[in-house]
Amino acid sequence: MDPTRKDLVINFITTNDITGGNSGSPVINGKGELIGLAFDGNYEALSHKLAFDKDLNRTICVDIRYVLWCIDKLGGGSNIINELKLMK
């Protein structure tokens, strides 16, 4: 639950560069904390193999809190959640 939005955050966008095979790669914040997983790129990022355009290229990420929620609530994996060191 995001305290600002008072809702579950599912996705967010970054200016990271992504290429085929990067799906599922960790997205790390400035503190070295896992905040999400790379999911896909936008249409404008298709040309990234020729040139990265910082104004257009975007990476679509899934928020790690949503991944954990899915593991717990949909997958019944609370035992996995209990073994993780989670930061708030």
C-alpha atoms as a PDB file:
ATOM      1  CA  MET A   1       0.000   0.000   0.000  1.00  0.00           C
ATOM      2  CA  ASP A   2       1.419   3.363  -1.007  1.00  0.00           C
ATOM      3  CA  PRO A   3       0.721   5.853   1.815  1.00  0.00           C
ATOM      4  CA  THR A   4       0.582   8.816  -0.565  1.00  0.00           C
ATOM      5  CA  ARG A   5      -1.815   7.248  -3.050  1.00  0.00           C
ATOM      6  CA  LYS A   6      -3.585   5.039  -0.483  1.00  0.00           C
ATOM      7  CA  ASP A   7      -3.576   2.287  -3.085  1.00  0.00           C
ATOM      8  CA  LEU A   8      -1.473  -0.628  -4.280  1.00  0.00           C
ATOM      9  CA  VAL A   9       1.161   0.485  -6.797  1.00  0.00           C
ATOM     10  CA  ILE A  10       1.555  -1.988  -9.650  1.00  0.00           C
ATOM     11  CA  ASN A  11       3.784  -0.348 -12.273  1.00  0.00           C
ATOM     12  CA  PHE A  12       6.146   2.564 -12.699  1.00  0.00           C
ATOM     13  CA  ILE A  13       8.241   3.999 -15.518  1.00  0.00           C
ATOM     14  CA  THR A  14      11.990   4.691 -15.559  1.00  0.00           C
ATOM     15  CA  THR A  15      14.446   6.154 -18.049  1.00  0.00           C
ATOM     16  CA  ASN A  16      16.604   3.020 -17.877  1.00  0.00           C
ATOM     17  CA  ASP A  17      17.660   1.367 -21.115  1.00  0.00           C
ATOM     18  CA  ILE A  18      16.298  -2.145 -21.686  1.00  0.00           C
ATOM     19  CA  THR A  19      16.846  -4.749 -24.360  1.00  0.00           C
ATOM     20  CA  GLY A  20      15.430  -8.160 -25.189  1.00  0.00           C
ATOM     21  CA  GLY A  21      16.102 -10.610 -22.376  1.00  0.00           C
ATOM     22  CA  ASN A  22      16.103  -7.960 -19.627  1.00  0.00           C
ATOM     23  CA  SER A  23      12.574  -8.741 -18.469  1.00  0.00           C
ATOM     24  CA  GLY A  24      12.671  -9.646 -14.796  1.00  0.00           C
ATOM     25  CA  SER A  25      15.919  -7.779 -14.167  1.00  0.00           C
ATOM     26  CA  PRO A  26      16.090  -6.013 -10.799  1.00  0.00           C
ATOM     27  CA  VAL A  27      15.404  -2.276 -10.572  1.00  0.00           C
ATOM     28  CA  ILE A  28      17.447  -0.767  -7.746  1.00  0.00           C
ATOM     29  CA  ASN A  29      17.042   2.670  -6.146  1.00  0.00           C
ATOM     30  CA  GLY A  30      19.867   4.986  -5.076  1.00  0.00           C
ATOM     31  CA  LYS A  31      20.105   3.218  -1.701  1.00  0.00           C
ATOM     32  CA  GLY A  32      20.720  -0.160  -3.347  1.00  0.00           C
ATOM     33  CA  GLU A  33      17.241  -1.425  -2.463  1.00  0.00           C
ATOM     34  CA  LEU A  34      15.185  -3.605  -4.801  1.00  0.00           C
ATOM     35  CA  ILE A  35      12.136  -1.556  -5.816  1.00  0.00           C
ATOM     36  CA  GLY A  36      10.881  -3.461  -8.834  1.00  0.00           C
ATOM     37  CA  LEU A  37      11.516  -5.677 -11.832  1.00  0.00           C
ATOM     38  CA  ALA A  38      12.015  -4.520 -15.421  1.00  0.00           C
ATOM     39  CA  PHE A  39       9.035  -5.598 -17.472  1.00  0.00           C
ATOM     40  CA  ASP A  40       9.039  -4.014 -20.942  1.00  0.00           C
ATOM     41  CA  GLY A  41      10.022  -0.971 -22.963  1.00  0.00           C
ATOM     42  CA  ASN A  42       7.849   1.579 -24.690  1.00  0.00           C
ATOM     43  CA  TYR A  43       7.360   1.754 -28.469  1.00  0.00           C
ATOM     44  CA  GLU A  44       9.881   4.586 -28.807  1.00  0.00           C
ATOM     45  CA  ALA A  45      12.537   2.356 -27.210  1.00  0.00           C
ATOM     46  CA  LEU A  46      12.510  -0.035 -30.177  1.00  0.00           C
ATOM     47  CA  SER A  47      15.237   2.007 -31.863  1.00  0.00           C
ATOM     48  CA  HIS A  48      17.525   1.804 -28.820  1.00  0.00           C
ATOM     49  CA  LYS A  49      19.847  -0.577 -30.651  1.00  0.00           C
ATOM     50  CA  LEU A  50      20.766   2.302 -32.942  1.00  0.00           C
ATOM     51  CA  ALA A  51      20.694   5.146 -30.459  1.00  0.00           C
ATOM     52  CA  PHE A  52      19.348   5.684 -26.943  1.00  0.00           C
ATOM     53  CA  ASP A  53      17.050   8.709 -26.778  1.00  0.00           C
ATOM     54  CA  LYS A  54      16.934   9.959 -23.180  1.00  0.00           C
ATOM     55  CA  ASP A  55      13.805  11.995 -23.930  1.00  0.00           C
ATOM     56  CA  LEU A  56      11.754   9.090 -25.316  1.00  0.00           C
ATOM     57  CA  ASN A  57      13.079   5.739 -24.107  1.00  0.00           C
ATOM     58  CA  ARG A  58      11.322   4.327 -21.068  1.00  0.00           C
ATOM     59  CA  THR A  59      11.343   1.051 -19.175  1.00  0.00           C
ATOM     60  CA  ILE A  60       8.086  -0.244 -17.732  1.00  0.00           C
ATOM     61  CA  CYS A  61       8.623  -1.884 -14.340  1.00  0.00           C
ATOM     62  CA  VAL A  62       6.486  -3.882 -11.951  1.00  0.00           C
ATOM     63  CA  ASP A  63       6.636  -2.605  -8.369  1.00  0.00           C
ATOM     64  CA  ILE A  64       8.230  -5.140  -6.015  1.00  0.00           C
ATOM     65  CA  ARG A  65       5.453  -4.534  -3.458  1.00  0.00           C
ATOM     66  CA  TYR A  66       2.946  -5.843  -6.005  1.00  0.00           C
ATOM     67  CA  VAL A  67       5.147  -8.870  -6.732  1.00  0.00           C
ATOM     68  CA  LEU A  68       5.283  -9.628  -3.007  1.00  0.00           C
ATOM     69  CA  TRP A  69       1.517  -9.149  -2.705  1.00  0.00           C
ATOM     70  CA  CYS A  70       0.976 -11.634  -5.577  1.00  0.00           C
ATOM     71  CA  ILE A  71       3.325 -14.168  -3.978  1.00  0.00           C
ATOM     72  CA  ASP A  72       1.506 -13.841  -0.653  1.00  0.00           C
ATOM     73  CA  LYS A  73      -2.162 -13.385  -1.562  1.00  0.00           C
ATOM     74  CA  LEU A  74      -2.503 -15.079  -4.940  1.00  0.00           C
ATOM     75  CA  GLY A  75       0.197 -17.716  -4.634  1.00  0.00           C
ATOM     76  CA  GLY A  76      -0.233 -18.568  -0.979  1.00  0.00           C
ATOM     77  CA  GLY A  77       3.507 -18.148  -0.469  1.00  0.00           C
ATOM     78  CA  SER A  78       3.511 -16.459   2.917  1.00  0.00           C
ATOM     79  CA  ASN A  79       6.341 -18.808   3.947  1.00  0.00           C
ATOM     80  CA  ILE A  80       8.519 -17.192   1.247  1.00  0.00           C
ATOM     81  CA  ILE A  81       7.543 -13.696   2.379  1.00  0.00           C
ATOM     82  CA  ASN A  82       8.410 -14.570   5.996  1.00  0.00           C
ATOM     83  CA  GLU A  83      11.941 -15.600   4.974  1.00  0.00           C
ATOM     84  CA  LEU A  84      12.702 -12.236   3.289  1.00  0.00           C
ATOM     85  CA  LYS A  85      14.215  -9.194   4.945  1.00  0.00           C
ATOM     86  CA  LEU A  86      11.739  -6.520   3.839  1.00  0.00           C
ATOM     87  CA  MET A  87      12.369  -2.800   4.281  1.00  0.00           C
ATOM     88  CA  LYS A  88       9.606  -0.242   4.784  1.00  0.00           C
END
